[in-house]
C-alpha atoms as a PDB file:
ATOM      1  CA  ALA A   1     -31.481  29.646 -14.649  1.00  0.00           C
ATOM      2  CA  MET A   2     -33.817  27.379 -16.508  1.00  0.00           C
ATOM      3  CA  SER A   3     -32.690  24.905 -19.135  1.00  0.00           C
ATOM      4  CA  LYS A   4     -34.301  24.660 -22.574  1.00  0.00           C
ATOM      5  CA  ASP A   5     -36.047  21.454 -21.497  1.00  0.00           C
ATOM      6  CA  ASP A   6     -37.793  23.282 -18.671  1.00  0.00           C
ATOM      7  CA  ASP A   7     -39.128  25.928 -21.082  1.00  0.00           C
ATOM      8  CA  ASP A   8     -41.096  23.362 -23.075  1.00  0.00           C
ATOM      9  CA  ASP A   9     -42.403  21.382 -20.112  1.00  0.00           C
ATOM     10  CA  GLU A  10     -46.213  21.671 -19.946  1.00  0.00           C
ATOM     11  CA  THR A  11     -46.289  20.158 -16.455  1.00  0.00           C
ATOM     12  CA  ALA A  12     -44.081  22.869 -14.962  1.00  0.00           C
ATOM     13  CA  PRO A  13     -45.863  24.990 -12.341  1.00  0.00           C
ATOM     14  CA  LEU A  14     -45.638  28.076 -14.572  1.00  0.00           C
ATOM     15  CA  GLY A  15     -46.278  26.144 -17.795  1.00  0.00           C
ATOM     16  CA  PHE A  16     -49.526  28.058 -18.305  1.00  0.00           C
ATOM     17  CA  LEU A  17     -47.419  31.072 -19.363  1.00  0.00           C
ATOM     18  CA  ASP A  18     -46.311  29.266 -22.516  1.00  0.00           C
ATOM     19  CA  ARG A  19     -49.934  28.818 -23.616  1.00  0.00           C
ATOM     20  CA  LEU A  20     -50.792  32.528 -23.336  1.00  0.00           C
ATOM     21  CA  LEU A  21     -51.370  34.569 -26.444  1.00  0.00           C
ATOM     22  CA  ASP A  22     -49.349  37.743 -26.962  1.00  0.00           C
ATOM     23  CA  GLU A  23     -52.344  39.922 -26.048  1.00  0.00           C
ATOM     24  CA  GLU A  24     -52.822  37.987 -22.809  1.00  0.00           C
ATOM     25  CA  ARG A  25     -49.108  38.209 -22.020  1.00  0.00           C
ATOM     26  CA  HIS A  26     -49.176  42.004 -22.241  1.00  0.00           C
ATOM     27  CA  SER A  27     -52.444  42.363 -20.310  1.00  0.00           C
ATOM     28  CA  ASN A  28     -52.709  42.443 -16.534  1.00  0.00           C
ATOM     29  CA  LEU A  29     -54.736  39.237 -16.442  1.00  0.00           C
ATOM     30  CA  HIS A  30     -52.056  37.143 -14.719  1.00  0.00           C
ATOM     31  CA  LEU A  31     -50.128  39.999 -13.089  1.00  0.00           C
ATOM     32  CA  GLY A  32     -49.488  39.178  -9.429  1.00  0.00           C
ATOM     33  CA  ASP A  33     -50.652  35.581  -9.750  1.00  0.00           C
ATOM     34  CA  VAL A  34     -49.816  33.591  -6.595  1.00  0.00           C
ATOM     35  CA  ARG A  35     -48.205  30.880  -8.698  1.00  0.00           C
ATOM     36  CA  PHE A  36     -45.237  33.214  -9.179  1.00  0.00           C
ATOM     37  CA  TRP A  37     -44.718  33.386  -5.401  1.00  0.00           C
ATOM     38  CA  LYS A  38     -45.159  29.630  -5.000  1.00  0.00           C
ATOM     39  CA  HIS A  39     -42.822  28.658  -7.846  1.00  0.00           C
ATOM     40  CA  LEU A  40     -40.291  31.469  -8.011  1.00  0.00           C
ATOM     41  CA  GLU A  41     -37.562  29.102  -9.167  1.00  0.00           C
ATOM     42  CA  HIS A  42     -39.545  28.212 -12.336  1.00  0.00           C
ATOM     43  CA  ILE A  43     -39.720  31.757 -13.726  1.00  0.00           C
ATOM     44  CA  ASN A  44     -38.047  31.960 -17.119  1.00  0.00           C
ATOM     45  CA  THR A  45     -35.092  34.236 -16.377  1.00  0.00           C
ATOM     46  CA  SER A  46     -34.541  35.221 -20.007  1.00  0.00           C
ATOM     47  CA  LEU A  47     -37.924  36.982 -20.051  1.00  0.00           C
ATOM     48  CA  ILE A  48     -37.222  39.022 -16.918  1.00  0.00           C
ATOM     49  CA  TYR A  49     -35.013  41.428 -18.879  1.00  0.00           C
ATOM     50  CA  ARG A  50     -37.859  42.541 -21.189  1.00  0.00           C
ATOM     51  CA  THR A  51     -39.719  45.344 -19.409  1.00  0.00           C
ATOM     52  CA  LYS A  52     -43.001  44.547 -21.186  1.00  0.00           C
ATOM     53  CA  SER A  53     -43.008  40.875 -20.180  1.00  0.00           C
ATOM     54  CA  LEU A  54     -45.348  39.440 -17.595  1.00  0.00           C
ATOM     55  CA  GLU A  55     -42.387  37.976 -15.710  1.00  0.00           C
ATOM     56  CA  TYR A  56     -40.659  41.370 -15.394  1.00  0.00           C
ATOM     57  CA  ARG A  57     -43.835  43.143 -14.260  1.00  0.00           C
ATOM     58  CA  THR A  58     -44.606  40.389 -11.763  1.00  0.00           C
ATOM     59  CA  MET A  59     -41.079  40.500 -10.334  1.00  0.00           C
ATOM     60  CA  LYS A  60     -41.373  44.295 -10.055  1.00  0.00           C
ATOM     61  CA  LEU A  61     -44.701  43.907  -8.241  1.00  0.00           C
ATOM     62  CA  MET A  62     -43.185  41.299  -5.911  1.00  0.00           C
ATOM     63  CA  PHE A  63     -40.295  43.672  -5.144  1.00  0.00           C
ATOM     64  CA  CYS A  64     -42.747  46.491  -4.348  1.00  0.00           C
ATOM     65  CA  GLU A  65     -44.740  44.158  -2.082  1.00  0.00           C
ATOM     66  CA  VAL A  66     -41.612  43.202  -0.161  1.00  0.00           C
ATOM     67  CA  MET A  67     -40.546  46.855   0.211  1.00  0.00           C
ATOM     68  CA  LEU A  68     -44.038  47.797   1.418  1.00  0.00           C
ATOM     69  CA  TYR A  69     -44.018  44.938   3.921  1.00  0.00           C
ATOM     70  CA  VAL A  70     -40.549  45.866   5.227  1.00  0.00           C
ATOM     71  CA  SER A  71     -41.512  49.531   5.595  1.00  0.00           C
ATOM     72  CA  PHE A  72     -44.746  48.560   7.368  1.00  0.00           C
ATOM     73  CA  LEU A  73     -42.777  46.331   9.716  1.00  0.00           C
ATOM     74  CA  ALA A  74     -40.286  49.136  10.425  1.00  0.00           C
ATOM     75  CA  VAL A  75     -43.039  51.695  11.111  1.00  0.00           C
ATOM     76  CA  PHE A  76     -44.970  49.257  13.316  1.00  0.00           C
ATOM     77  CA  THR A  77     -41.824  48.363  15.277  1.00  0.00           C
ATOM     78  CA  ALA A  78     -40.961  52.050  15.731  1.00  0.00           C
ATOM     79  CA  PHE A  79     -44.516  52.707  16.937  1.00  0.00           C
ATOM     80  CA  LEU A  80     -44.273  49.929  19.518  1.00  0.00           C
ATOM     81  CA  VAL A  81     -40.889  51.115  20.743  1.00  0.00           C
ATOM     82  CA  LEU A  82     -42.114  54.694  21.092  1.00  0.00           C
ATOM     83  CA  GLN A  83     -45.192  53.568  23.037  1.00  0.00           C
ATOM     84  CA  ARG A  84     -43.060  52.087  25.788  1.00  0.00           C
ATOM     85  CA  SER A  85     -42.793  54.806  28.362  1.00  0.00           C
ATOM     86  CA  GLY A  86     -41.033  54.968  31.702  1.00  0.00           C
ATOM     87  CA  SER A  87     -44.300  55.502  33.547  1.00  0.00           C
ATOM     88  CA  LEU A  88     -45.469  52.036  32.506  1.00  0.00           C
ATOM     89  CA  TYR A  89     -42.452  50.383  34.104  1.00  0.00           C
ATOM     90  CA  GLU A  90     -42.609  52.710  37.111  1.00  0.00           C
ATOM     91  CA  SER A  91     -46.258  51.796  37.662  1.00  0.00           C
ATOM     92  CA  ARG A  92     -45.428  48.094  37.462  1.00  0.00           C
ATOM     93  CA  ARG A  93     -42.606  48.513  39.974  1.00  0.00           C
ATOM     94  CA  HIS A  94     -44.931  50.382  42.371  1.00  0.00           C
ATOM     95  CA  GLN A  95     -47.517  47.612  42.134  1.00  0.00           C
ATOM     96  CA  LEU A  96     -44.909  44.924  42.796  1.00  0.00           C
ATOM     97  CA  ASP A  97     -43.592  46.885  45.782  1.00  0.00           C
ATOM     98  CA  TYR A  98     -47.109  47.351  47.179  1.00  0.00           C
ATOM     99  CA  TRP A  99     -48.227  43.724  46.931  1.00  0.00           C
ATOM    100  CA  ALA A 100     -44.866  42.367  48.106  1.00  0.00           C
ATOM    101  CA  GLY A 101     -44.955  44.610  51.199  1.00  0.00           C
ATOM    102  CA  CYS A 102     -41.771  46.499  50.334  1.00  0.00           C
ATOM    103  CA  THR A 103     -40.533  49.493  52.295  1.00  0.00           C
ATOM    104  CA  ARG A 104     -37.625  51.728  51.398  1.00  0.00           C
ATOM    105  CA  VAL A 105     -34.850  51.918  53.959  1.00  0.00           C
ATOM    106  CA  GLY A 106     -32.020  54.256  52.978  1.00  0.00           C
ATOM    107  CA  ASP A 107     -30.693  53.188  49.595  1.00  0.00           C
ATOM    108  CA  GLY A 108     -32.286  49.737  49.683  1.00  0.00           C
ATOM    109  CA  LYS A 109     -35.670  48.205  50.265  1.00  0.00           C
ATOM    110  CA  THR A 110     -36.968  45.350  52.346  1.00  0.00           C
ATOM    111  CA  CYS A 111     -39.929  43.241  51.319  1.00  0.00           C
ATOM    112  CA  THR A 112     -42.048  40.992  53.497  1.00  0.00           C
ATOM    113  CA  ILE A 113     -42.438  38.499  50.666  1.00  0.00           C
ATOM    114  CA  ASP A 114     -38.684  37.847  50.807  1.00  0.00           C
ATOM    115  CA  GLN A 115     -39.183  36.264  54.218  1.00  0.00           C
ATOM    116  CA  VAL A 116     -41.480  33.587  52.753  1.00  0.00           C
ATOM    117  CA  THR A 117     -39.412  30.409  52.760  1.00  0.00           C
ATOM    118  CA  SER A 118     -41.876  27.636  53.557  1.00  0.00           C
ATOM    119  CA  PRO A 119     -45.537  26.800  53.054  1.00  0.00           C
ATOM    120  CA  GLU A 120     -46.246  27.871  56.641  1.00  0.00           C
ATOM    121  CA  SER A 121     -44.598  31.265  56.170  1.00  0.00           C
ATOM    122  CA  LEU A 122     -46.488  31.661  52.866  1.00  0.00           C
ATOM    123  CA  MET A 123     -49.819  31.109  54.622  1.00  0.00           C
ATOM    124  CA  GLU A 124     -48.808  33.548  57.357  1.00  0.00           C
ATOM    125  CA  TRP A 125     -47.776  36.171  54.778  1.00  0.00           C
ATOM    126  CA  MET A 126     -51.049  35.714  52.893  1.00  0.00           C
ATOM    127  CA  ALA A 127     -53.165  35.970  56.043  1.00  0.00           C
ATOM    128  CA  TYR A 128     -51.450  38.946  57.700  1.00  0.00           C
ATOM    129  CA  ASP A 129     -49.936  40.922  54.796  1.00  0.00           C
ATOM    130  CA  PHE A 130     -51.547  40.083  51.445  1.00  0.00           C
ATOM    131  CA  ALA A 131     -55.206  39.543  52.393  1.00  0.00           C
ATOM    132  CA  PRO A 132     -55.599  42.813  54.352  1.00  0.00           C
ATOM    133  CA  LYS A 133     -54.317  44.728  51.308  1.00  0.00           C
ATOM    134  CA  ALA A 134     -56.652  42.873  48.941  1.00  0.00           C
ATOM    135  CA  PHE A 135     -59.761  42.995  51.159  1.00  0.00           C
ATOM    136  CA  THR A 136     -60.001  46.186  53.185  1.00  0.00           C
ATOM    137  CA  GLU A 137     -62.591  46.994  55.817  1.00  0.00           C
ATOM    138  CA  GLN A 138     -64.230  49.814  53.843  1.00  0.00           C
ATOM    139  CA  GLU A 139     -67.957  49.587  53.185  1.00  0.00           C
ATOM    140  CA  LEU A 140     -67.948  52.040  50.282  1.00  0.00           C
ATOM    141  CA  TYR A 141     -65.069  52.788  47.964  1.00  0.00           C
ATOM    142  CA  PRO A 142     -64.625  56.251  46.468  1.00  0.00           C
ATOM    143  CA  PRO A 143     -65.141  56.451  42.671  1.00  0.00           C
ATOM    144  CA  ILE A 144     -62.053  56.319  40.521  1.00  0.00           C
ATOM    145  CA  GLY A 145     -62.873  59.674  38.957  1.00  0.00           C
ATOM    146  CA  SER A 146     -62.433  61.460  42.278  1.00  0.00           C
ATOM    147  CA  ALA A 147     -58.959  60.026  42.844  1.00  0.00           C
ATOM    148  CA  VAL A 148     -56.197  62.615  43.039  1.00  0.00           C
END
């Protein structure tokens, strides 16, 4: 709450409201002014209770903006959550298994990349396992559209 001294202070961030004429106060000239957002603590709380006052209408507009932002955030978050499908993760797992040289054995899997423990074994894995998968011997690759 503001004290009486703060109401008369011309240097207050919202001091321009005290200089407005009645016609200007009831117009939409200063409705939604950014100074209300910047200096929320300087709003004269006694004027908020009058539904025709600029302070009340600005607070109502600020409330509507917050509700719109929260609903937008909720809809956007729901959209992102719904876009995550199992096929995306399954595709990623298949790619990791392919490049790591994994084979399924019973209930488990073995990967050739797991046997890389030193710089020498890394170079061996890259030369004999990774590079042949990345650079095949084909002269011409079939178009992607004909893939089944």
